[in-house]
Amino acid sequence: MSATTDLLSNYQHIIESLTLTTGSKGVYDVTVDGQTLYSKHETDRHAEPGEVLELFTELVGDVRRYGEE
């Protein structure tokens, strides 16, 4: 899933845990360090490309991405 790939590619150095919880009918939740970032069950739609990554950056603030100086 691109949401988890985006998070791990860009913020693996600060994420302690990442959980993707799946359910029936394509429902899923993305949880980072105990904080639910996105829930398809709540929004009733798939996340747009980059949406979960944007929600994460809003949560953590101005943190450098993995590999940036």
Protein backbone atom coordinates (compact mmCIF):
# COMPACT_ATOMS: atom_id res chain seq x y z
CA MET A 1 0.00 0.00 0.00
CA SER A 2 1.44 3.37 -0.95
CA ALA A 3 0.41 5.06 2.32
CA THR A 4 2.61 2.79 4.42
CA THR A 5 5.40 2.85 1.85
CA ASP A 6 5.35 6.67 1.85
CA LEU A 7 5.54 6.78 5.63
CA LEU A 8 8.33 4.24 5.97
CA SER A 9 10.35 5.67 3.07
CA ASN A 10 10.22 9.22 4.42
CA TYR A 11 9.97 8.89 8.20
CA GLN A 12 11.37 5.50 9.20
CA HIS A 13 13.86 7.27 11.47
CA ILE A 14 11.14 8.67 13.76
CA ILE A 15 8.29 6.13 13.53
CA GLU A 16 8.36 3.65 16.39
CA SER A 17 5.38 1.58 15.20
CA LEU A 18 3.22 1.51 12.11
CA THR A 19 0.03 -0.55 11.97
CA LEU A 20 -2.19 -1.17 8.99
CA THR A 21 -5.43 -2.73 10.21
CA THR A 22 -7.61 -4.24 7.51
CA GLY A 23 -11.25 -5.21 7.64
CA SER A 24 -14.04 -6.35 5.38
CA LYS A 25 -14.95 -4.62 2.12
CA GLY A 26 -11.52 -2.95 1.80
CA VAL A 27 -11.79 -1.03 5.08
CA TYR A 28 -8.45 -0.15 6.65
CA ASP A 29 -6.93 2.09 9.32
CA VAL A 30 -3.40 3.48 9.34
CA THR A 31 -2.02 3.98 12.85
CA VAL A 32 1.38 5.47 13.66
CA ASP A 33 2.76 5.37 17.19
CA GLY A 34 -0.74 4.81 18.58
CA GLN A 35 -2.33 7.69 16.64
CA THR A 36 -4.88 6.83 13.94
CA LEU A 37 -3.93 8.88 10.90
CA TYR A 38 -6.48 7.63 8.44
CA SER A 39 -9.57 5.43 8.62
CA LYS A 40 -11.38 4.35 5.49
CA HIS A 41 -14.26 3.28 7.71
CA GLU A 42 -14.66 6.86 8.99
CA THR A 43 -14.15 8.60 5.62
CA ASP A 44 -15.94 5.97 3.51
CA ARG A 45 -13.32 6.38 0.75
CA HIS A 46 -9.77 5.41 -0.13
CA ALA A 47 -7.07 7.92 0.76
CA GLU A 48 -5.85 10.06 -2.11
CA PRO A 49 -2.21 9.59 -3.15
CA GLY A 50 -0.02 11.35 -0.58
CA GLU A 51 -2.92 12.07 1.77
CA VAL A 52 -1.75 9.83 4.62
CA LEU A 53 1.79 11.22 4.32
CA GLU A 54 0.38 14.76 4.51
CA LEU A 55 -1.64 13.88 7.62
CA PHE A 56 1.51 12.47 9.22
CA THR A 57 3.56 15.59 8.47
CA GLU A 58 0.80 17.72 10.01
CA LEU A 59 0.98 15.52 13.12
CA VAL A 60 4.77 15.61 13.59
CA GLY A 61 5.44 19.10 12.30
CA ASP A 62 8.62 20.20 10.57
CA VAL A 63 10.76 17.05 10.71
CA ARG A 64 13.36 16.25 8.08
CA ARG A 65 12.64 13.31 5.84
CA TYR A 66 14.85 10.24 5.99
CA GLY A 67 18.13 10.82 4.13
CA GLU A 68 17.86 14.62 4.08
CA GLU A 69 20.68 16.62 5.61
